[in-house]
């Protein structure tokens, strides 16, 4: 069994372990608070005017994908106009515009939640 075969179960095991610890610890904390007499309403979100999570997810995903598309287009334009043949051009421009897209999506989400 080579290390490449062992890598996948280790990665999935680590992800499962993190989620298991997070949810089991949260459940134990909540049970302890309820046993001590705390009201269960403290676990609910205090903001009723918050935007639904699916709207926030779709908005951020759409802006991210538009940023990636703009990055590919911008890298092609730079390659054709300036004759740049560096292998770092495409990943660099794509990550730059994707990050910019995520920043714009964050700002748009804040504006969405204010309405």
PDB file of N, CA and C in Angstrom:
ATOM      1  N   UNK A   1       0.843  -1.179   0.000  1.00  0.00           N
ATOM      2  CA  UNK A   1       0.000   0.000   0.000  1.00  0.00           C
ATOM      3  C   UNK A   1       0.886   1.239   0.000  1.00  0.00           C
ATOM      4  N   UNK A   2       0.826   1.988  -1.061  1.00  0.00           N
ATOM      5  CA  UNK A   2       1.650   3.182  -1.182  1.00  0.00           C
ATOM      6  C   UNK A   2       1.031   4.374  -0.456  1.00  0.00           C
ATOM      7  N   UNK A   3       1.815   5.415  -0.321  1.00  0.00           N
ATOM      8  CA  UNK A   3       1.316   6.599   0.378  1.00  0.00           C
ATOM      9  C   UNK A   3       0.188   7.303  -0.370  1.00  0.00           C
ATOM     10  N   UNK A   4       0.112   7.130  -1.690  1.00  0.00           N
ATOM     11  CA  UNK A   4      -0.964   7.760  -2.430  1.00  0.00           C
ATOM     12  C   UNK A   4      -2.313   7.112  -2.130  1.00  0.00           C
ATOM     13  N   UNK A   5      -2.314   5.838  -1.801  1.00  0.00           N
ATOM     14  CA  UNK A   5      -3.566   5.156  -1.449  1.00  0.00           C
ATOM     15  C   UNK A   5      -3.997   5.534  -0.038  1.00  0.00           C
ATOM     16  N   UNK A   6      -3.065   5.774   0.842  1.00  0.00           N
ATOM     17  CA  UNK A   6      -3.385   6.130   2.223  1.00  0.00           C
ATOM     18  C   UNK A   6      -3.807   7.588   2.386  1.00  0.00           C
ATOM     19  N   UNK A   7      -3.464   8.429   1.445  1.00  0.00           N
ATOM     20  CA  UNK A   7      -3.737   9.862   1.585  1.00  0.00           C
ATOM     21  C   UNK A   7      -5.238  10.147   1.588  1.00  0.00           C
ATOM     22  N   UNK A   8      -5.993   9.527   0.730  1.00  0.00           N
ATOM     23  CA  UNK A   8      -7.423   9.800   0.628  1.00  0.00           C
ATOM     24  C   UNK A   8      -8.189   9.439   1.905  1.00  0.00           C
ATOM     25  N   UNK A   9      -7.998   8.226   2.483  1.00  0.00           N
ATOM     26  CA  UNK A   9      -8.697   7.941   3.742  1.00  0.00           C
ATOM     27  C   UNK A   9      -8.266   8.862   4.891  1.00  0.00           C
ATOM     28  N   UNK A  10      -7.011   9.261   4.904  1.00  0.00           N
ATOM     29  CA  UNK A  10      -6.548  10.156   5.964  1.00  0.00           C
ATOM     30  C   UNK A  10      -7.220  11.516   5.835  1.00  0.00           C
ATOM     31  N   UNK A  11      -7.337  12.022   4.622  1.00  0.00           N
ATOM     32  CA  UNK A  11      -7.986  13.319   4.413  1.00  0.00           C
ATOM     33  C   UNK A  11      -9.453  13.243   4.809  1.00  0.00           C
ATOM     34  N   UNK A  12     -10.168  12.232   4.343  1.00  0.00           N
ATOM     35  CA  UNK A  12     -11.581  12.108   4.695  1.00  0.00           C
ATOM     36  C   UNK A  12     -11.768  11.844   6.188  1.00  0.00           C
ATOM     37  N   UNK A  13     -10.870  11.090   6.789  1.00  0.00           N
ATOM     38  CA  UNK A  13     -10.948  10.862   8.234  1.00  0.00           C
ATOM     39  C   UNK A  13     -10.739  12.137   9.029  1.00  0.00           C
ATOM     40  N   UNK A  14      -9.824  12.964   8.586  1.00  0.00           N
ATOM     41  CA  UNK A  14      -9.587  14.238   9.276  1.00  0.00           C
ATOM     42  C   UNK A  14     -10.796  15.153   9.154  1.00  0.00           C
ATOM     43  N   UNK A  15     -11.394  15.219   7.972  1.00  0.00           N
ATOM     44  CA  UNK A  15     -12.588  16.048   7.784  1.00  0.00           C
ATOM     45  C   UNK A  15     -13.732  15.533   8.643  1.00  0.00           C
ATOM     46  N   UNK A  16     -13.935  14.216   8.644  1.00  0.00           N
ATOM     47  CA  UNK A  16     -14.986  13.639   9.480  1.00  0.00           C
ATOM     48  C   UNK A  16     -14.733  13.920  10.951  1.00  0.00           C
ATOM     49  N   UNK A  17     -13.482  13.804  11.390  1.00  0.00           N
ATOM     50  CA  UNK A  17     -13.144  14.044  12.792  1.00  0.00           C
ATOM     51  C   UNK A  17     -13.424  15.469  13.217  1.00  0.00           C
ATOM     52  N   UNK A  18     -13.098  16.425  12.378  1.00  0.00           N
ATOM     53  CA  UNK A  18     -13.351  17.826  12.715  1.00  0.00           C
ATOM     54  C   UNK A  18     -14.846  18.078  12.845  1.00  0.00           C
ATOM     55  N   UNK A  19     -15.633  17.603  11.896  1.00  0.00           N
ATOM     56  CA  UNK A  19     -17.071  17.823  11.973  1.00  0.00           C
ATOM     57  C   UNK A  19     -17.692  17.081  13.157  1.00  0.00           C
ATOM     58  N   UNK A  20     -17.236  15.870  13.414  1.00  0.00           N
ATOM     59  CA  UNK A  20     -17.764  15.105  14.539  1.00  0.00           C
ATOM     60  C   UNK A  20     -17.484  15.818  15.861  1.00  0.00           C
ATOM     61  N   UNK A  21     -16.255  16.271  16.042  1.00  0.00           N
ATOM     62  CA  UNK A  21     -15.930  16.990  17.272  1.00  0.00           C
ATOM     63  C   UNK A  21     -16.724  18.282  17.408  1.00  0.00           C
ATOM     64  N   UNK A  22     -16.901  18.995  16.318  1.00  0.00           N
ATOM     65  CA  UNK A  22     -17.648  20.250  16.371  1.00  0.00           C
ATOM     66  C   UNK A  22     -19.092  20.016  16.799  1.00  0.00           C
ATOM     67  N   UNK A  23     -19.770  19.082  16.134  1.00  0.00           N
ATOM     68  CA  UNK A  23     -21.181  18.870  16.437  1.00  0.00           C
ATOM     69  C   UNK A  23     -21.408  18.180  17.778  1.00  0.00           C
ATOM     70  N   UNK A  24     -20.546  17.244  18.146  1.00  0.00           N
ATOM     71  CA  UNK A  24     -20.736  16.580  19.435  1.00  0.00           C
ATOM     72  C   UNK A  24     -20.456  17.539  20.591  1.00  0.00           C
ATOM     73  N   UNK A  25     -19.452  18.392  20.455  1.00  0.00           N
ATOM     74  CA  UNK A  25     -19.160  19.366  21.506  1.00  0.00           C
ATOM     75  C   UNK A  25     -20.278  20.382  21.621  1.00  0.00           C
ATOM     76  N   UNK A  26     -20.793  20.848  20.501  1.00  0.00           N
ATOM     77  CA  UNK A  26     -21.897  21.810  20.530  1.00  0.00           C
ATOM     78  C   UNK A  26     -23.128  21.203  21.188  1.00  0.00           C
ATOM     79  N   UNK A  27     -23.401  19.941  20.879  1.00  0.00           N
ATOM     80  CA  UNK A  27     -24.555  19.271  21.469  1.00  0.00           C
ATOM     81  C   UNK A  27     -24.383  19.139  22.983  1.00  0.00           C
ATOM     82  N   UNK A  28     -23.189  18.759  23.442  1.00  0.00           N
ATOM     83  CA  UNK A  28     -22.945  18.615  24.884  1.00  0.00           C
ATOM     84  C   UNK A  28     -23.063  19.948  25.607  1.00  0.00           C
ATOM     85  N   UNK A  29     -22.558  21.019  25.002  1.00  0.00           N
ATOM     86  CA  UNK A  29     -22.684  22.344  25.613  1.00  0.00           C
ATOM     87  C   UNK A  29     -24.133  22.749  25.750  1.00  0.00           C
ATOM     88  N   UNK A  30     -24.912  22.517  24.720  1.00  0.00           N
ATOM     89  CA  UNK A  30     -26.326  22.887  24.759  1.00  0.00           C
ATOM     90  C   UNK A  30     -27.085  22.065  25.800  1.00  0.00           C
ATOM     91  N   UNK A  31     -26.791  20.781  25.870  1.00  0.00           N
ATOM     92  CA  UNK A  31     -27.456  19.953  26.874  1.00  0.00           C
ATOM     93  C   UNK A  31     -27.098  20.400  28.289  1.00  0.00           C
ATOM     94  N   UNK A  32     -25.849  20.767  28.508  1.00  0.00           N
ATOM     95  CA  UNK A  32     -25.434  21.233  29.826  1.00  0.00           C
ATOM     96  C   UNK A  32     -26.131  22.546  30.190  1.00  0.00           C
ATOM     97  N   UNK A  33     -26.280  23.453  29.225  1.00  0.00           N
ATOM     98  CA  UNK A  33     -26.967  24.715  29.499  1.00  0.00           C
ATOM     99  C   UNK A  33     -28.450  24.491  29.787  1.00  0.00           C
ATOM    100  N   UNK A  34     -29.068  23.576  29.065  1.00  0.00           N
ATOM    101  CA  UNK A  34     -30.486  23.293  29.292  1.00  0.00           C
ATOM    102  C   UNK A  34     -30.680  22.638  30.651  1.00  0.00           C
ATOM    103  N   UNK A  35     -29.761  21.743  31.050  1.00  0.00           N
ATOM    104  CA  UNK A  35     -29.865  21.099  32.358  1.00  0.00           C
ATOM    105  C   UNK A  35     -29.734  22.106  33.493  1.00  0.00           C
ATOM    106  N   UNK A  36     -28.970  23.159  33.266  1.00  0.00           N
ATOM    107  CA  UNK A  36     -28.803  24.173  34.303  1.00  0.00           C
ATOM    108  C   UNK A  36     -29.927  25.193  34.310  1.00  0.00           C
ATOM    109  N   UNK A  37     -30.889  25.044  33.412  1.00  0.00           N
ATOM    110  CA  UNK A  37     -32.060  25.898  33.427  1.00  0.00           C
ATOM    111  C   UNK A  37     -32.052  27.026  32.425  1.00  0.00           C
ATOM    112  N   UNK A  38     -31.126  27.039  31.528  1.00  0.00           N
ATOM    113  CA  UNK A  38     -31.094  28.089  30.517  1.00  0.00           C
ATOM    114  C   UNK A  38     -32.232  27.869  29.525  1.00  0.00           C
ATOM    115  N   UNK A  39     -32.769  28.953  29.019  1.00  0.00           N
ATOM    116  CA  UNK A  39     -33.862  28.881  28.053  1.00  0.00           C
ATOM    117  C   UNK A  39     -33.315  28.426  26.703  1.00  0.00           C
ATOM    118  N   UNK A  40     -34.054  27.598  26.007  1.00  0.00           N
ATOM    119  CA  UNK A  40     -33.594  27.064  24.721  1.00  0.00           C
ATOM    120  C   UNK A  40     -33.590  28.128  23.632  1.00  0.00           C
ATOM    121  N   UNK A  41     -34.204  29.262  23.871  1.00  0.00           N
ATOM    122  CA  UNK A  41     -34.248  30.301  22.841  1.00  0.00           C
ATOM    123  C   UNK A  41     -32.894  30.972  22.640  1.00  0.00           C
ATOM    124  N   UNK A  42     -31.922  30.747  23.515  1.00  0.00           N
ATOM    125  CA  UNK A  42     -30.608  31.352  23.323  1.00  0.00           C
ATOM    126  C   UNK A  42     -29.867  30.724  22.157  1.00  0.00           C
ATOM    127  N   UNK A  43     -30.319  29.577  21.663  1.00  0.00           N
ATOM    128  CA  UNK A  43     -29.675  28.923  20.537  1.00  0.00           C
ATOM    129  C   UNK A  43     -30.207  29.412  19.204  1.00  0.00           C
ATOM    130  N   UNK A  44     -31.280  30.182  19.223  1.00  0.00           N
ATOM    131  CA  UNK A  44     -31.867  30.710  17.996  1.00  0.00           C
ATOM    132  C   UNK A  44     -31.194  32.016  17.626  1.00  0.00           C
ATOM    133  N   UNK A  45     -31.215  32.328  16.339  1.00  0.00           N
ATOM    134  CA  UNK A  45     -30.629  33.572  15.863  1.00  0.00           C
ATOM    135  C   UNK A  45     -31.449  34.751  16.378  1.00  0.00           C
ATOM    136  N   UNK A  46     -30.778  35.767  16.842  1.00  0.00           N
ATOM    137  CA  UNK A  46     -31.456  36.938  17.365  1.00  0.00           C
ATOM    138  C   UNK A  46     -31.967  37.836  16.246  1.00  0.00           C
ATOM    139  N   UNK A  47     -31.335  37.752  15.090  1.00  0.00           N
ATOM    140  CA  UNK A  47     -31.727  38.611  13.971  1.00  0.00           C
ATOM    141  C   UNK A  47     -32.763  37.900  13.111  1.00  0.00           C
ATOM    142  N   UNK A  48     -33.936  38.447  13.069  1.00  0.00           N
ATOM    143  CA  UNK A  48     -34.987  37.879  12.233  1.00  0.00           C
ATOM    144  C   UNK A  48     -34.947  38.451  10.822  1.00  0.00           C
ATOM    145  N   UNK A  49     -34.237  39.590  10.655  1.00  0.00           N
ATOM    146  CA  UNK A  49     -34.191  40.241   9.355  1.00  0.00           C
ATOM    147  C   UNK A  49     -33.010  39.793   8.505  1.00  0.00           C
ATOM    148  N   UNK A  50     -32.289  38.783   8.938  1.00  0.00           N
ATOM    149  CA  UNK A  50     -31.117  38.310   8.196  1.00  0.00           C
ATOM    150  C   UNK A  50     -31.566  37.631   6.903  1.00  0.00           C
ATOM    151  N   UNK A  51     -30.750  37.766   5.872  1.00  0.00           N
ATOM    152  CA  UNK A  51     -31.059  37.155   4.581  1.00  0.00           C
ATOM    153  C   UNK A  51     -30.932  35.639   4.693  1.00  0.00           C
ATOM    154  N   UNK A  52     -31.782  34.907   3.969  1.00  0.00           N
ATOM    155  CA  UNK A  52     -31.676  33.441   3.997  1.00  0.00           C
ATOM    156  C   UNK A  52     -30.313  32.985   3.481  1.00  0.00           C
ATOM    157  N   UNK A  53     -29.840  31.894   4.028  1.00  0.00           N
ATOM    158  CA  UNK A  53     -28.498  31.411   3.705  1.00  0.00           C
ATOM    159  C   UNK A  53     -28.378  31.011   2.244  1.00  0.00           C
ATOM    160  N   UNK A  54     -29.457  30.532   1.647  1.00  0.00           N
ATOM    161  CA  UNK A  54     -29.369  30.122   0.245  1.00  0.00           C
ATOM    162  C   UNK A  54     -29.167  31.319  -0.669  1.00  0.00           C
ATOM    163  N   UNK A  55     -29.723  32.478  -0.313  1.00  0.00           N
ATOM    164  CA  UNK A  55     -29.508  33.671  -1.129  1.00  0.00           C
ATOM    165  C   UNK A  55     -28.057  34.136  -1.034  1.00  0.00           C
ATOM    166  N   UNK A  56     -27.505  34.085   0.159  1.00  0.00           N
ATOM    167  CA  UNK A  56     -26.123  34.492   0.364  1.00  0.00           C
ATOM    168  C   UNK A  56     -25.188  33.551  -0.389  1.00  0.00           C
ATOM    169  N   UNK A  57     -25.454  32.235  -0.320  1.00  0.00           N
ATOM    170  CA  UNK A  57     -24.613  31.252  -1.001  1.00  0.00           C
ATOM    171  C   UNK A  57     -24.657  31.441  -2.515  1.00  0.00           C
ATOM    172  N   UNK A  58     -25.845  31.602  -3.072  1.00  0.00           N
ATOM    173  CA  UNK A  58     -25.970  31.756  -4.522  1.00  0.00           C
ATOM    174  C   UNK A  58     -25.330  33.057  -4.986  1.00  0.00           C
ATOM    175  N   UNK A  59     -25.508  34.128  -4.215  1.00  0.00           N
ATOM    176  CA  UNK A  59     -24.898  35.402  -4.570  1.00  0.00           C
ATOM    177  C   UNK A  59     -23.379  35.296  -4.589  1.00  0.00           C
ATOM    178  N   UNK A  60     -22.801  34.720  -3.538  1.00  0.00           N
ATOM    179  CA  UNK A  60     -21.340  34.591  -3.479  1.00  0.00           C
ATOM    180  C   UNK A  60     -20.806  33.631  -4.538  1.00  0.00           C
ATOM    181  N   UNK A  61     -21.516  32.543  -4.801  1.00  0.00           N
ATOM    182  CA  UNK A  61     -21.087  31.605  -5.834  1.00  0.00           C
ATOM    183  C   UNK A  61     -21.125  32.251  -7.214  1.00  0.00           C
ATOM    184  N   UNK A  62     -22.182  33.017  -7.486  1.00  0.00           N
ATOM    185  CA  UNK A  62     -22.297  33.677  -8.789  1.00  0.00           C
ATOM    186  C   UNK A  62     -21.181  34.697  -8.990  1.00  0.00           C
ATOM    187  N   UNK A  63     -20.900  35.491  -7.966  1.00  0.00           N
ATOM    188  CA  UNK A  63     -19.844  36.498  -8.096  1.00  0.00           C
ATOM    189  C   UNK A  63     -18.478  35.821  -8.207  1.00  0.00           C
ATOM    190  N   UNK A  64     -18.262  34.721  -7.488  1.00  0.00           N
ATOM    191  CA  UNK A  64     -17.004  33.985  -7.589  1.00  0.00           C
ATOM    192  C   UNK A  64     -16.809  33.436  -9.000  1.00  0.00           C
ATOM    193  N   UNK A  65     -17.842  32.823  -9.557  1.00  0.00           N
ATOM    194  CA  UNK A  65     -17.722  32.264 -10.905  1.00  0.00           C
ATOM    195  C   UNK A  65     -17.528  33.356 -11.952  1.00  0.00           C
ATOM    196  N   UNK A  66     -18.173  34.511 -11.763  1.00  0.00           N
ATOM    197  CA  UNK A  66     -17.942  35.632 -12.682  1.00  0.00           C
ATOM    198  C   UNK A  66     -16.503  36.129 -12.563  1.00  0.00           C
ATOM    199  N   UNK A  67     -15.955  36.127 -11.352  1.00  0.00           N
ATOM    200  CA  UNK A  67     -14.563  36.527 -11.170  1.00  0.00           C
ATOM    201  C   UNK A  67     -13.607  35.563 -11.841  1.00  0.00           C
ATOM    202  N   UNK A  68     -13.883  34.277 -11.747  1.00  0.00           N
ATOM    203  CA  UNK A  68     -13.030  33.280 -12.403  1.00  0.00           C
ATOM    204  C   UNK A  68     -13.098  33.437 -13.923  1.00  0.00           C
ATOM    205  N   UNK A  69     -14.307  33.636 -14.452  1.00  0.00           N
ATOM    206  CA  UNK A  69     -14.453  33.853 -15.895  1.00  0.00           C
ATOM    207  C   UNK A  69     -13.750  35.113 -16.356  1.00  0.00           C
ATOM    208  N   UNK A  70     -13.859  36.182 -15.583  1.00  0.00           N
ATOM    209  CA  UNK A  70     -13.166  37.423 -15.925  1.00  0.00           C
ATOM    210  C   UNK A  70     -11.660  37.230 -15.850  1.00  0.00           C
ATOM    211  N   UNK A  71     -11.192  36.413 -14.914  1.00  0.00           N
ATOM    212  CA  UNK A  71      -9.760  36.148 -14.801  1.00  0.00           C
ATOM    213  C   UNK A  71      -9.217  35.401 -15.998  1.00  0.00           C
ATOM    214  N   UNK A  72      -9.963  34.423 -16.479  1.00  0.00           N
ATOM    215  CA  UNK A  72      -9.527  33.683 -17.669  1.00  0.00           C
ATOM    216  C   UNK A  72      -9.501  34.606 -18.880  1.00  0.00           C
ATOM    217  N   UNK A  73     -10.532  35.420 -19.024  1.00  0.00           N
ATOM    218  CA  UNK A  73     -10.588  36.358 -20.142  1.00  0.00           C
ATOM    219  C   UNK A  73      -9.459  37.386 -20.059  1.00  0.00           C
ATOM    220  N   UNK A  74      -9.215  37.924 -18.881  1.00  0.00           N
ATOM    221  CA  UNK A  74      -8.148  38.905 -18.700  1.00  0.00           C
ATOM    222  C   UNK A  74      -6.774  38.289 -18.965  1.00  0.00           C
ATOM    223  N   UNK A  75      -6.562  37.055 -18.534  1.00  0.00           N
ATOM    224  CA  UNK A  75      -5.286  36.383 -18.789  1.00  0.00           C
ATOM    225  C   UNK A  75      -5.078  36.142 -20.282  1.00  0.00           C
ATOM    226  N   UNK A  76      -6.140  35.783 -20.984  1.00  0.00           N
ATOM    227  CA  UNK A  76      -6.018  35.602 -22.436  1.00  0.00           C
ATOM    228  C   UNK A  76      -5.702  36.918 -23.130  1.00  0.00           C
ATOM    229  N   UNK A  77      -6.330  37.991 -22.681  1.00  0.00           N
ATOM    230  CA  UNK A  77      -6.066  39.307 -23.281  1.00  0.00           C
ATOM    231  C   UNK A  77      -4.626  39.726 -23.019  1.00  0.00           C
ATOM    232  N   UNK A  78      -4.149  39.546 -21.802  1.00  0.00           N
ATOM    233  CA  UNK A  78      -2.757  39.890 -21.470  1.00  0.00           C
ATOM    234  C   UNK A  78      -1.787  39.048 -22.298  1.00  0.00           C
ATOM    235  N   UNK A  79      -2.103  37.769 -22.457  1.00  0.00           N
ATOM    236  CA  UNK A  79      -1.222  36.884 -23.218  1.00  0.00           C
ATOM    237  C   UNK A  79      -1.166  37.304 -24.686  1.00  0.00           C
ATOM    238  N   UNK A  80      -2.304  37.676 -25.259  1.00  0.00           N
ATOM    239  CA  UNK A  80      -2.323  38.054 -26.677  1.00  0.00           C
ATOM    240  C   UNK A  80      -1.731  39.442 -26.918  1.00  0.00           C
ATOM    241  N   UNK A  81      -2.062  40.408 -26.077  1.00  0.00           N
ATOM    242  CA  UNK A  81      -1.598  41.767 -26.312  1.00  0.00           C
ATOM    243  C   UNK A  81      -0.120  41.955 -26.008  1.00  0.00           C
ATOM    244  N   UNK A  82       0.327  41.394 -24.897  1.00  0.00           N
ATOM    245  CA  UNK A  82       1.694  41.634 -24.452  1.00  0.00           C
ATOM    246  C   UNK A  82       2.643  40.467 -24.740  1.00  0.00           C
ATOM    247  N   UNK A  83       2.128  39.358 -25.191  1.00  0.00           N
ATOM    248  CA  UNK A  83       2.975  38.220 -25.528  1.00  0.00           C
ATOM    249  C   UNK A  83       3.606  37.545 -24.319  1.00  0.00           C
ATOM    250  N   UNK A  84       2.962  37.633 -23.175  1.00  0.00           N
ATOM    251  CA  UNK A  84       3.487  37.009 -21.964  1.00  0.00           C
ATOM    252  C   UNK A  84       3.253  35.504 -22.049  1.00  0.00           C
ATOM    253  N   UNK A  85       4.327  34.723 -21.844  1.00  0.00           N
ATOM    254  CA  UNK A  85       4.193  33.264 -21.930  1.00  0.00           C
ATOM    255  C   UNK A  85       4.480  32.586 -20.603  1.00  0.00           C
ATOM    256  N   UNK A  86       4.465  33.339 -19.537  1.00  0.00           N
ATOM    257  CA  UNK A  86       4.750  32.767 -18.223  1.00  0.00           C
ATOM    258  C   UNK A  86       3.638  31.809 -17.809  1.00  0.00           C
ATOM    259  N   UNK A  87       4.038  30.699 -17.173  1.00  0.00           N
ATOM    260  CA  UNK A  87       3.043  29.728 -16.714  1.00  0.00           C
ATOM    261  C   UNK A  87       2.281  30.227 -15.498  1.00  0.00           C
ATOM    262  N   UNK A  88       2.789  31.251 -14.848  1.00  0.00           N
ATOM    263  CA  UNK A  88       2.128  31.794 -13.664  1.00  0.00           C
ATOM    264  C   UNK A  88       1.054  32.822 -14.019  1.00  0.00           C
ATOM    265  N   UNK A  89       0.930  33.172 -15.271  1.00  0.00           N
ATOM    266  CA  UNK A  89      -0.024  34.201 -15.671  1.00  0.00           C
ATOM    267  C   UNK A  89      -1.461  33.774 -15.385  1.00  0.00           C
ATOM    268  N   UNK A  90      -1.864  32.630 -15.897  1.00  0.00           N
ATOM    269  CA  UNK A  90      -3.250  32.202 -15.748  1.00  0.00           C
ATOM    270  C   UNK A  90      -3.651  31.981 -14.289  1.00  0.00           C
ATOM    271  N   UNK A  91      -2.909  31.181 -13.502  1.00  0.00           N
ATOM    272  CA  UNK A  91      -3.322  31.012 -12.100  1.00  0.00           C
ATOM    273  C   UNK A  91      -3.293  32.322 -11.320  1.00  0.00           C
ATOM    274  N   UNK A  92      -2.305  33.162 -11.586  1.00  0.00           N
ATOM    275  CA  UNK A  92      -2.208  34.419 -10.851  1.00  0.00           C
ATOM    276  C   UNK A  92      -3.386  35.330 -11.113  1.00  0.00           C
ATOM    277  N   UNK A  93      -3.732  35.505 -12.365  1.00  0.00           N
ATOM    278  CA  UNK A  93      -4.845  36.400 -12.713  1.00  0.00           C
ATOM    279  C   UNK A  93      -6.173  35.791 -12.266  1.00  0.00           C
ATOM    280  N   UNK A  94      -6.325  34.486 -12.403  1.00  0.00           N
ATOM    281  CA  UNK A  94      -7.583  33.842 -11.993  1.00  0.00           C
ATOM    282  C   UNK A  94      -7.782  33.978 -10.484  1.00  0.00           C
ATOM    283  N   UNK A  95      -6.742  33.708  -9.693  1.00  0.00           N
ATOM    284  CA  UNK A  95      -6.886  33.839  -8.236  1.00  0.00           C
ATOM    285  C   UNK A  95      -7.107  35.287  -7.824  1.00  0.00           C
ATOM    286  N   UNK A  96      -6.469  36.216  -8.517  1.00  0.00           N
ATOM    287  CA  UNK A  96      -6.651  37.633  -8.201  1.00  0.00           C
ATOM    288  C   UNK A  96      -8.089  38.074  -8.449  1.00  0.00           C
ATOM    289  N   UNK A  97      -8.644  37.722  -9.593  1.00  0.00           N
ATOM    290  CA  UNK A  97     -10.014  38.140  -9.889  1.00  0.00           C
ATOM    291  C   UNK A  97     -11.039  37.335  -9.088  1.00  0.00           C
ATOM    292  N   UNK A  98     -10.731  36.080  -8.771  1.00  0.00           N
ATOM    293  CA  UNK A  98     -11.644  35.308  -7.924  1.00  0.00           C
ATOM    294  C   UNK A  98     -11.700  35.900  -6.521  1.00  0.00           C
ATOM    295  N   UNK A  99     -10.557  36.288  -5.985  1.00  0.00           N
ATOM    296  CA  UNK A  99     -10.537  36.936  -4.677  1.00  0.00           C
ATOM    297  C   UNK A  99     -11.267  38.261  -4.695  1.00  0.00           C
ATOM    298  N   UNK A 100     -11.094  39.013  -5.765  1.00  0.00           N
ATOM    299  CA  UNK A 100     -11.827  40.266  -5.904  1.00  0.00           C
ATOM    300  C   UNK A 100     -13.326  39.996  -5.976  1.00  0.00           C
ATOM    301  N   UNK A 101     -13.703  38.947  -6.675  1.00  0.00           N
ATOM    302  CA  UNK A 101     -15.115  38.572  -6.746  1.00  0.00           C
ATOM    303  C   UNK A 101     -15.682  38.200  -5.392  1.00  0.00           C
ATOM    304  N   UNK A 102     -14.902  37.484  -4.585  1.00  0.00           N
ATOM    305  CA  UNK A 102     -15.360  37.129  -3.241  1.00  0.00           C
ATOM    306  C   UNK A 102     -15.507  38.368  -2.362  1.00  0.00           C
ATOM    307  N   UNK A 103     -14.597  39.314  -2.524  1.00  0.00           N
ATOM    308  CA  UNK A 103     -14.696  40.566  -1.769  1.00  0.00           C
ATOM    309  C   UNK A 103     -15.948  41.349  -2.177  1.00  0.00           C
ATOM    310  N   UNK A 104     -16.220  41.405  -3.464  1.00  0.00           N
ATOM    311  CA  UNK A 104     -17.431  42.076  -3.946  1.00  0.00           C
ATOM    312  C   UNK A 104     -18.673  41.340  -3.447  1.00  0.00           C
ATOM    313  N   UNK A 105     -18.640  40.014  -3.456  1.00  0.00           N
ATOM    314  CA  UNK A 105     -19.769  39.232  -2.941  1.00  0.00           C
ATOM    315  C   UNK A 105     -20.004  39.476  -1.469  1.00  0.00           C
ATOM    316  N   UNK A 106     -18.934  39.635  -0.696  1.00  0.00           N
ATOM    317  CA  UNK A 106     -19.065  39.945   0.724  1.00  0.00           C
ATOM    318  C   UNK A 106     -19.740  41.294   0.921  1.00  0.00           C
ATOM    319  N   UNK A 107     -19.309  42.288   0.153  1.00  0.00           N
ATOM    320  CA  UNK A 107     -19.923  43.622   0.247  1.00  0.00           C
ATOM    321  C   UNK A 107     -21.388  43.572  -0.159  1.00  0.00           C
ATOM    322  N   UNK A 108     -21.701  42.807  -1.213  1.00  0.00           N
ATOM    323  CA  UNK A 108     -23.092  42.699  -1.663  1.00  0.00           C
ATOM    324  C   UNK A 108     -23.942  41.970  -0.624  1.00  0.00           C
ATOM    325  N   UNK A 109     -23.371  40.990   0.067  1.00  0.00           N
ATOM    326  CA  UNK A 109     -24.093  40.278   1.111  1.00  0.00           C
ATOM    327  C   UNK A 109     -24.408  41.203   2.272  1.00  0.00           C
ATOM    328  N   UNK A 110     -23.463  42.065   2.639  1.00  0.00           N
ATOM    329  CA  UNK A 110     -23.721  43.025   3.709  1.00  0.00           C
ATOM    330  C   UNK A 110     -24.848  43.959   3.324  1.00  0.00           C
ATOM    331  N   UNK A 111     -24.861  44.403   2.061  1.00  0.00           N
ATOM    332  CA  UNK A 111     -25.939  45.272   1.596  1.00  0.00           C
ATOM    333  C   UNK A 111     -27.276  44.533   1.549  1.00  0.00           C
ATOM    334  N   UNK A 112     -27.240  43.246   1.215  1.00  0.00           N
ATOM    335  CA  UNK A 112     -28.453  42.433   1.156  1.00  0.00           C
ATOM    336  C   UNK A 112     -29.058  42.270   2.539  1.00  0.00           C
ATOM    337  N   UNK A 113     -28.217  42.122   3.557  1.00  0.00           N
ATOM    338  CA  UNK A 113     -28.707  41.930   4.902  1.00  0.00           C
ATOM    339  C   UNK A 113     -29.223  43.227   5.530  1.00  0.00           C
ATOM    340  N   UNK A 114     -28.777  44.386   5.014  1.00  0.00           N
ATOM    341  CA  UNK A 114     -29.268  45.654   5.529  1.00  0.00           C
ATOM    342  C   UNK A 114     -30.693  45.939   5.090  1.00  0.00           C
ATOM    343  N   UNK A 115     -31.077  45.395   3.928  1.00  0.00           N
ATOM    344  CA  UNK A 115     -32.434  45.678   3.400  1.00  0.00           C
ATOM    345  C   UNK A 115     -33.515  45.014   4.185  1.00  0.00           C
TER     346      UNK A 115
END
